[in-house]
PDB file of N, CA and C in Angstrom:
ATOM      1  N   MET A   1     126.839  99.716  88.541  1.00  0.00           N
ATOM      2  CA  MET A   1     127.095 100.399  87.297  1.00  0.00           C
ATOM      3  C   MET A   1     126.092 101.522  87.068  1.00  0.00           C
ATOM      4  N   LEU A   2     124.830 101.270  87.392  1.00  0.00           N
ATOM      5  CA  LEU A   2     123.818 102.297  87.177  1.00  0.00           C
ATOM      6  C   LEU A   2     124.004 103.475  88.113  1.00  0.00           C
ATOM      7  N   ALA A   3     124.542 103.221  89.297  1.00  0.00           N
ATOM      8  CA  ALA A   3     124.645 104.262  90.300  1.00  0.00           C
ATOM      9  C   ALA A   3     125.909 105.098  90.150  1.00  0.00           C
ATOM     10  N   GLY A   4     126.840 104.724  89.307  1.00  0.00           N
ATOM     11  CA  GLY A   4     128.032 105.543  89.136  1.00  0.00           C
ATOM     12  C   GLY A   4     129.300 104.716  89.025  1.00  0.00           C
ATOM     13  N   GLY A   5     130.410 105.329  89.352  1.00  0.00           N
ATOM     14  CA  GLY A   5     131.714 104.709  89.220  1.00  0.00           C
ATOM     15  C   GLY A   5     132.051 103.795  90.379  1.00  0.00           C
ATOM     16  N   PRO A   6     133.345 103.684  90.692  1.00  0.00           N
ATOM     17  CA  PRO A   6     133.769 102.766  91.744  1.00  0.00           C
ATOM     18  C   PRO A   6     133.388 103.230  93.157  1.00  0.00           C
ATOM     19  N   THR A   7     132.971 104.466  93.305  1.00  0.00           N
ATOM     20  CA  THR A   7     132.547 104.952  94.624  1.00  0.00           C
ATOM     21  C   THR A   7     131.025 105.014  94.670  1.00  0.00           C
ATOM     22  N   LEU A   8     130.491 105.003  95.866  1.00  0.00           N
ATOM     23  CA  LEU A   8     129.047 105.097  96.014  1.00  0.00           C
ATOM     24  C   LEU A   8     128.581 106.532  95.757  1.00  0.00           C
ATOM     25  N   PRO A   9     127.412 106.681  95.138  1.00  0.00           N
ATOM     26  CA  PRO A   9     126.881 108.029  94.910  1.00  0.00           C
ATOM     27  C   PRO A   9     126.338 108.603  96.212  1.00  0.00           C
ATOM     28  N   SER A  10     125.899 109.832  96.139  1.00  0.00           N
ATOM     29  CA  SER A  10     125.300 110.443  97.325  1.00  0.00           C
ATOM     30  C   SER A  10     124.045 109.669  97.713  1.00  0.00           C
ATOM     31  N   PRO A  11     123.589 109.777  98.947  1.00  0.00           N
ATOM     32  CA  PRO A  11     122.492 108.942  99.441  1.00  0.00           C
ATOM     33  C   PRO A  11     121.168 109.089  98.682  1.00  0.00           C
ATOM     34  N   LEU A  12     120.802 110.288  98.269  1.00  0.00           N
ATOM     35  CA  LEU A  12     119.499 110.468  97.617  1.00  0.00           C
ATOM     36  C   LEU A  12     119.404 109.725  96.282  1.00  0.00           C
ATOM     37  N   PRO A  13     120.344 109.892  95.346  1.00  0.00           N
ATOM     38  CA  PRO A  13     120.236 109.120  94.096  1.00  0.00           C
ATOM     39  C   PRO A  13     120.284 107.610  94.321  1.00  0.00           C
ATOM     40  N   LEU A  14     121.080 107.179  95.274  1.00  0.00           N
ATOM     41  CA  LEU A  14     121.155 105.755  95.562  1.00  0.00           C
ATOM     42  C   LEU A  14     119.827 105.247  96.111  1.00  0.00           C
ATOM     43  N   ALA A  15     119.200 106.011  96.997  1.00  0.00           N
ATOM     44  CA  ALA A  15     117.903 105.617  97.550  1.00  0.00           C
ATOM     45  C   ALA A  15     116.830 105.576  96.460  1.00  0.00           C
ATOM     46  N   ILE A  16     116.837 106.549  95.570  1.00  0.00           N
ATOM     47  CA  ILE A  16     115.871 106.568  94.476  1.00  0.00           C
ATOM     48  C   ILE A  16     116.079 105.356  93.565  1.00  0.00           C
ATOM     49  N   LEU A  17     117.316 105.035  93.251  1.00  0.00           N
ATOM     50  CA  LEU A  17     117.626 103.874  92.420  1.00  0.00           C
ATOM     51  C   LEU A  17     117.146 102.590  93.071  1.00  0.00           C
ATOM     52  N   LEU A  18     117.430 102.413  94.356  1.00  0.00           N
ATOM     53  CA  LEU A  18     117.027 101.196  95.043  1.00  0.00           C
ATOM     54  C   LEU A  18     115.508 101.101  95.182  1.00  0.00           C
ATOM     55  N   CYS A  19     114.839 102.206  95.451  1.00  0.00           N
ATOM     56  CA  CYS A  19     113.372 102.203  95.549  1.00  0.00           C
ATOM     57  C   CYS A  19     112.726 101.878  94.205  1.00  0.00           C
ATOM     58  N   SER A  20     113.268 102.406  93.127  1.00  0.00           N
ATOM     59  CA  SER A  20     112.690 102.113  91.816  1.00  0.00           C
ATOM     60  C   SER A  20     112.903 100.649  91.441  1.00  0.00           C
ATOM     61  N   ALA A  21     114.065 100.097  91.766  1.00  0.00           N
ATOM     62  CA  ALA A  21     114.310  98.677  91.486  1.00  0.00           C
ATOM     63  C   ALA A  21     113.377  97.800  92.314  1.00  0.00           C
ATOM     64  N   MET A  22     113.158  98.154  93.571  1.00  0.00           N
ATOM     65  CA  MET A  22     112.251  97.394  94.421  1.00  0.00           C
ATOM     66  C   MET A  22     110.815  97.499  93.911  1.00  0.00           C
ATOM     67  N   GLY A  23     110.406  98.686  93.489  1.00  0.00           N
ATOM     68  CA  GLY A  23     109.065  98.867  92.947  1.00  0.00           C
ATOM     69  C   GLY A  23     108.849  98.040  91.693  1.00  0.00           C
ATOM     70  N   TRP A  24     109.850  97.992  90.819  1.00  0.00           N
ATOM     71  CA  TRP A  24     109.739  97.186  89.603  1.00  0.00           C
ATOM     72  C   TRP A  24     109.617  95.713  89.959  1.00  0.00           C
ATOM     73  N   ALA A  25     110.435  95.235  90.909  1.00  0.00           N
ATOM     74  CA  ALA A  25     110.400  93.827  91.293  1.00  0.00           C
ATOM     75  C   ALA A  25     109.044  93.450  91.891  1.00  0.00           C
ATOM     76  N   VAL A  26     108.508  94.294  92.765  1.00  0.00           N
ATOM     77  CA  VAL A  26     107.209  94.020  93.375  1.00  0.00           C
ATOM     78  C   VAL A  26     106.117  94.026  92.312  1.00  0.00           C
ATOM     79  N   SER A  27     106.173  94.969  91.381  1.00  0.00           N
ATOM     80  CA  SER A  27     105.149  95.011  90.335  1.00  0.00           C
ATOM     81  C   SER A  27     105.193  93.758  89.467  1.00  0.00           C
ATOM     82  N   GLN A  28     106.370  93.226  89.198  1.00  0.00           N
ATOM     83  CA  GLN A  28     106.480  92.006  88.406  1.00  0.00           C
ATOM     84  C   GLN A  28     105.891  90.804  89.149  1.00  0.00           C
ATOM     85  N   LEU A  29     106.104  90.742  90.458  1.00  0.00           N
ATOM     86  CA  LEU A  29     105.511  89.667  91.250  1.00  0.00           C
ATOM     87  C   LEU A  29     103.992  89.770  91.271  1.00  0.00           C
ATOM     88  N   LEU A  30     103.469  90.985  91.397  1.00  0.00           N
ATOM     89  CA  LEU A  30     102.023  91.170  91.412  1.00  0.00           C
ATOM     90  C   LEU A  30     101.398  90.804  90.063  1.00  0.00           C
ATOM     91  N   ILE A  31     102.079  91.136  88.985  1.00  0.00           N
ATOM     92  CA  ILE A  31     101.568  90.800  87.653  1.00  0.00           C
ATOM     93  C   ILE A  31     101.526  89.281  87.468  1.00  0.00           C
ATOM     94  N   LYS A  32     102.553  88.578  87.940  1.00  0.00           N
ATOM     95  CA  LYS A  32     102.581  87.123  87.787  1.00  0.00           C
ATOM     96  C   LYS A  32     101.499  86.449  88.612  1.00  0.00           C
ATOM     97  N   ARG A  33     101.168  87.000  89.773  1.00  0.00           N
ATOM     98  CA  ARG A  33     100.157  86.404  90.643  1.00  0.00           C
ATOM     99  C   ARG A  33      98.746  86.864  90.306  1.00  0.00           C
ATOM    100  N   GLY A  34      98.610  87.847  89.468  1.00  0.00           N
ATOM    101  CA  GLY A  34      97.304  88.399  89.129  1.00  0.00           C
ATOM    102  C   GLY A  34      96.519  87.518  88.180  1.00  0.00           C
ATOM    103  N   PRO A  35      95.340  87.979  87.826  1.00  0.00           N
ATOM    104  CA  PRO A  35      94.514  87.203  86.896  1.00  0.00           C
ATOM    105  C   PRO A  35      95.139  87.204  85.499  1.00  0.00           C
ATOM    106  N   PRO A  36      94.790  86.204  84.698  1.00  0.00           N
ATOM    107  CA  PRO A  36      95.352  86.154  83.340  1.00  0.00           C
ATOM    108  C   PRO A  36      94.751  87.259  82.464  1.00  0.00           C
ATOM    109  N   ILE A  37      95.554  88.245  82.190  1.00  0.00           N
ATOM    110  CA  ILE A  37      95.138  89.376  81.360  1.00  0.00           C
ATOM    111  C   ILE A  37      96.031  89.390  80.125  1.00  0.00           C
ATOM    112  N   ALA A  38      95.448  89.700  78.987  1.00  0.00           N
ATOM    113  CA  ALA A  38      96.233  89.781  77.752  1.00  0.00           C
ATOM    114  C   ALA A  38      97.327  90.840  77.901  1.00  0.00           C
ATOM    115  N   PRO A  39      98.528  90.559  77.429  1.00  0.00           N
ATOM    116  CA  PRO A  39      99.638  91.507  77.600  1.00  0.00           C
ATOM    117  C   PRO A  39      99.354  92.911  77.051  1.00  0.00           C
ATOM    118  N   MET A  40      98.702  92.995  75.896  1.00  0.00           N
ATOM    119  CA  MET A  40      98.421  94.320  75.327  1.00  0.00           C
ATOM    120  C   MET A  40      97.362  95.054  76.152  1.00  0.00           C
ATOM    121  N   ALA A  41      96.400  94.338  76.696  1.00  0.00           N
ATOM    122  CA  ALA A  41      95.399  94.973  77.559  1.00  0.00           C
ATOM    123  C   ALA A  41      96.059  95.488  78.830  1.00  0.00           C
ATOM    124  N   LEU A  42      96.957  94.699  79.403  1.00  0.00           N
ATOM    125  CA  LEU A  42      97.676  95.126  80.602  1.00  0.00           C
ATOM    126  C   LEU A  42      98.511  96.369  80.317  1.00  0.00           C
ATOM    127  N   ALA A  43      99.216  96.374  79.189  1.00  0.00           N
ATOM    128  CA  ALA A  43     100.017  97.535  78.818  1.00  0.00           C
ATOM    129  C   ALA A  43      99.141  98.770  78.624  1.00  0.00           C
ATOM    130  N   GLY A  44      97.963  98.590  78.041  1.00  0.00           N
ATOM    131  CA  GLY A  44      97.047  99.714  77.848  1.00  0.00           C
ATOM    132  C   GLY A  44      96.551 100.288  79.159  1.00  0.00           C
ATOM    133  N   TRP A  45      96.181  99.424  80.098  1.00  0.00           N
ATOM    134  CA  TRP A  45      95.711  99.910  81.402  1.00  0.00           C
ATOM    135  C   TRP A  45      96.830 100.597  82.183  1.00  0.00           C
ATOM    136  N   VAL A  46      98.024 100.031  82.130  1.00  0.00           N
ATOM    137  CA  VAL A  46      99.158 100.657  82.811  1.00  0.00           C
ATOM    138  C   VAL A  46      99.414 102.043  82.231  1.00  0.00           C
ATOM    139  N   ALA A  47      99.371 102.169  80.912  1.00  0.00           N
ATOM    140  CA  ALA A  47      99.585 103.464  80.267  1.00  0.00           C
ATOM    141  C   ALA A  47      98.486 104.451  80.653  1.00  0.00           C
ATOM    142  N   LEU A  48      97.247 103.971  80.718  1.00  0.00           N
ATOM    143  CA  LEU A  48      96.138 104.848  81.080  1.00  0.00           C
ATOM    144  C   LEU A  48      96.299 105.396  82.498  1.00  0.00           C
ATOM    145  N   PHE A  49      96.698 104.547  83.432  1.00  0.00           N
ATOM    146  CA  PHE A  49      96.880 105.006  84.809  1.00  0.00           C
ATOM    147  C   PHE A  49      98.159 105.820  84.994  1.00  0.00           C
ATOM    148  N   ALA A  50      99.099 105.719  84.072  1.00  0.00           N
ATOM    149  CA  ALA A  50     100.337 106.485  84.180  1.00  0.00           C
ATOM    150  C   ALA A  50     100.160 107.935  83.729  1.00  0.00           C
ATOM    151  N   VAL A  51      99.183 108.194  82.872  1.00  0.00           N
ATOM    152  CA  VAL A  51      99.004 109.539  82.321  1.00  0.00           C
ATOM    153  C   VAL A  51      98.828 110.602  83.412  1.00  0.00           C
ATOM    154  N   PRO A  52      97.948 110.430  84.407  1.00  0.00           N
ATOM    155  CA  PRO A  52      97.815 111.477  85.436  1.00  0.00           C
ATOM    156  C   PRO A  52      99.097 111.687  86.234  1.00  0.00           C
ATOM    157  N   GLN A  53      99.823 110.618  86.513  1.00  0.00           N
ATOM    158  CA  GLN A  53     101.063 110.752  87.271  1.00  0.00           C
ATOM    159  C   GLN A  53     102.123 111.512  86.484  1.00  0.00           C
ATOM    160  N   VAL A  54     102.249 111.186  85.215  1.00  0.00           N
ATOM    161  CA  VAL A  54     103.230 111.870  84.374  1.00  0.00           C
ATOM    162  C   VAL A  54     102.838 113.338  84.175  1.00  0.00           C
ATOM    163  N   ALA A  55     101.553 113.594  83.999  1.00  0.00           N
ATOM    164  CA  ALA A  55     101.087 114.977  83.838  1.00  0.00           C
ATOM    165  C   ALA A  55     101.368 115.786  85.096  1.00  0.00           C
ATOM    166  N   LEU A  56     101.138 115.204  86.269  1.00  0.00           N
ATOM    167  CA  LEU A  56     101.413 115.911  87.525  1.00  0.00           C
ATOM    168  C   LEU A  56     102.907 116.180  87.665  1.00  0.00           C
ATOM    169  N   GLY A  57     103.733 115.194  87.365  1.00  0.00           N
ATOM    170  CA  GLY A  57     105.179 115.394  87.434  1.00  0.00           C
ATOM    171  C   GLY A  57     105.652 116.469  86.471  1.00  0.00           C
ATOM    172  N   SER A  58     105.085 116.497  85.280  1.00  0.00           N
ATOM    173  CA  SER A  58     105.437 117.529  84.307  1.00  0.00           C
ATOM    174  C   SER A  58     105.030 118.906  84.805  1.00  0.00           C
ATOM    175  N   TRP A  59     103.844 118.995  85.381  1.00  0.00           N
ATOM    176  CA  TRP A  59     103.355 120.286  85.890  1.00  0.00           C
ATOM    177  C   TRP A  59     104.219 120.785  87.045  1.00  0.00           C
ATOM    178  N   LEU A  60     104.688 119.870  87.900  1.00  0.00           N
ATOM    179  CA  LEU A  60     105.477 120.266  89.062  1.00  0.00           C
ATOM    180  C   LEU A  60     106.931 120.591  88.734  1.00  0.00           C
ATOM    181  N   PHE A  61     107.533 119.844  87.817  1.00  0.00           N
ATOM    182  CA  PHE A  61     108.974 119.931  87.636  1.00  0.00           C
ATOM    183  C   PHE A  61     109.432 120.577  86.334  1.00  0.00           C
ATOM    184  N   GLU A  62     108.535 120.875  85.422  1.00  0.00           N
ATOM    185  CA  GLU A  62     108.926 121.467  84.148  1.00  0.00           C
ATOM    186  C   GLU A  62     108.273 122.832  83.986  1.00  0.00           C
ATOM    187  N   SER A  63     108.778 123.581  83.042  1.00  0.00           N
ATOM    188  CA  SER A  63     108.162 124.875  82.732  1.00  0.00           C
ATOM    189  C   SER A  63     108.150 125.062  81.219  1.00  0.00           C
ATOM    190  N   GLY A  64     107.168 125.802  80.742  1.00  0.00           N
ATOM    191  CA  GLY A  64     107.086 126.106  79.322  1.00  0.00           C
ATOM    192  C   GLY A  64     106.443 125.017  78.482  1.00  0.00           C
ATOM    193  N   GLN A  65     105.730 124.066  79.115  1.00  0.00           N
ATOM    194  CA  GLN A  65     105.128 122.976  78.341  1.00  0.00           C
ATOM    195  C   GLN A  65     104.041 123.488  77.406  1.00  0.00           C
ATOM    196  N   TRP A  66     103.163 124.364  77.922  1.00  0.00           N
ATOM    197  CA  TRP A  66     102.044 124.840  77.098  1.00  0.00           C
ATOM    198  C   TRP A  66     102.547 125.636  75.900  1.00  0.00           C
ATOM    199  N   GLN A  67     103.566 126.456  76.098  1.00  0.00           N
ATOM    200  CA  GLN A  67     104.123 127.231  74.987  1.00  0.00           C
ATOM    201  C   GLN A  67     104.745 126.289  73.953  1.00  0.00           C
ATOM    202  N   ALA A  68     105.436 125.256  74.419  1.00  0.00           N
ATOM    203  CA  ALA A  68     106.045 124.309  73.488  1.00  0.00           C
ATOM    204  C   ALA A  68     104.982 123.557  72.700  1.00  0.00           C
ATOM    205  N   MET A  69     103.867 123.204  73.364  1.00  0.00           N
ATOM    206  CA  MET A  69     102.794 122.493  72.660  1.00  0.00           C
ATOM    207  C   MET A  69     102.125 123.400  71.630  1.00  0.00           C
ATOM    208  N   GLN A  70     101.956 124.669  71.972  1.00  0.00           N
ATOM    209  CA  GLN A  70     101.305 125.596  71.054  1.00  0.00           C
ATOM    210  C   GLN A  70     102.186 125.921  69.854  1.00  0.00           C
ATOM    211  N   GLN A  71     103.490 125.913  70.043  1.00  0.00           N
ATOM    212  CA  GLN A  71     104.411 126.281  68.973  1.00  0.00           C
ATOM    213  C   GLN A  71     104.877 125.071  68.159  1.00  0.00           C
ATOM    214  N   ALA A  72     104.497 123.875  68.569  1.00  0.00           N
ATOM    215  CA  ALA A  72     104.954 122.669  67.861  1.00  0.00           C
ATOM    216  C   ALA A  72     104.282 122.579  66.488  1.00  0.00           C
ATOM    217  N   THR A  73     105.060 122.178  65.520  1.00  0.00           N
ATOM    218  CA  THR A  73     104.532 121.960  64.163  1.00  0.00           C
ATOM    219  C   THR A  73     104.069 120.502  64.027  1.00  0.00           C
ATOM    220  N   TRP A  74     103.480 120.176  62.880  1.00  0.00           N
ATOM    221  CA  TRP A  74     103.067 118.790  62.648  1.00  0.00           C
ATOM    222  C   TRP A  74     104.272 117.852  62.644  1.00  0.00           C
ATOM    223  N   LEU A  75     105.399 118.354  62.186  1.00  0.00           N
ATOM    224  CA  LEU A  75     106.601 117.547  62.198  1.00  0.00           C
ATOM    225  C   LEU A  75     107.022 117.225  63.642  1.00  0.00           C
ATOM    226  N   GLY A  76     106.902 118.219  64.508  1.00  0.00           N
ATOM    227  CA  GLY A  76     107.242 118.008  65.915  1.00  0.00           C
ATOM    228  C   GLY A  76     106.313 117.031  66.598  1.00  0.00           C
ATOM    229  N   TRP A  77     105.034 117.058  66.290  1.00  0.00           N
ATOM    230  CA  TRP A  77     104.067 116.138  66.886  1.00  0.00           C
ATOM    231  C   TRP A  77     104.257 114.731  66.339  1.00  0.00           C
ATOM    232  N   GLY A  78     104.765 114.605  65.141  1.00  0.00           N
ATOM    233  CA  GLY A  78     104.933 113.301  64.527  1.00  0.00           C
ATOM    234  C   GLY A  78     106.167 112.547  64.972  1.00  0.00           C
ATOM    235  N   ARG A  79     107.083 113.209  65.612  1.00  0.00           N
ATOM    236  CA  ARG A  79     108.333 112.538  66.014  1.00  0.00           C
ATOM    237  C   ARG A  79     108.205 111.808  67.292  1.00  0.00           C
TER     238      ARG A  79
END
């Protein structure tokens, strides 16, 4: 269902979907076998380590981020 209709999608989206599902499954196994960490602390550390990756992806694949940040109003930042 996630990959499309009754036919298979092209190979690249299907490979990305399967790799992301495998990555999620492996991460869940590692979390269960890891040391007992408070859920909110774990979520905070995951978010902290995700920031550089998301920033790099934004820099590589998007354009106009700095202009949008400079032109954003307080209402835009609050949403």
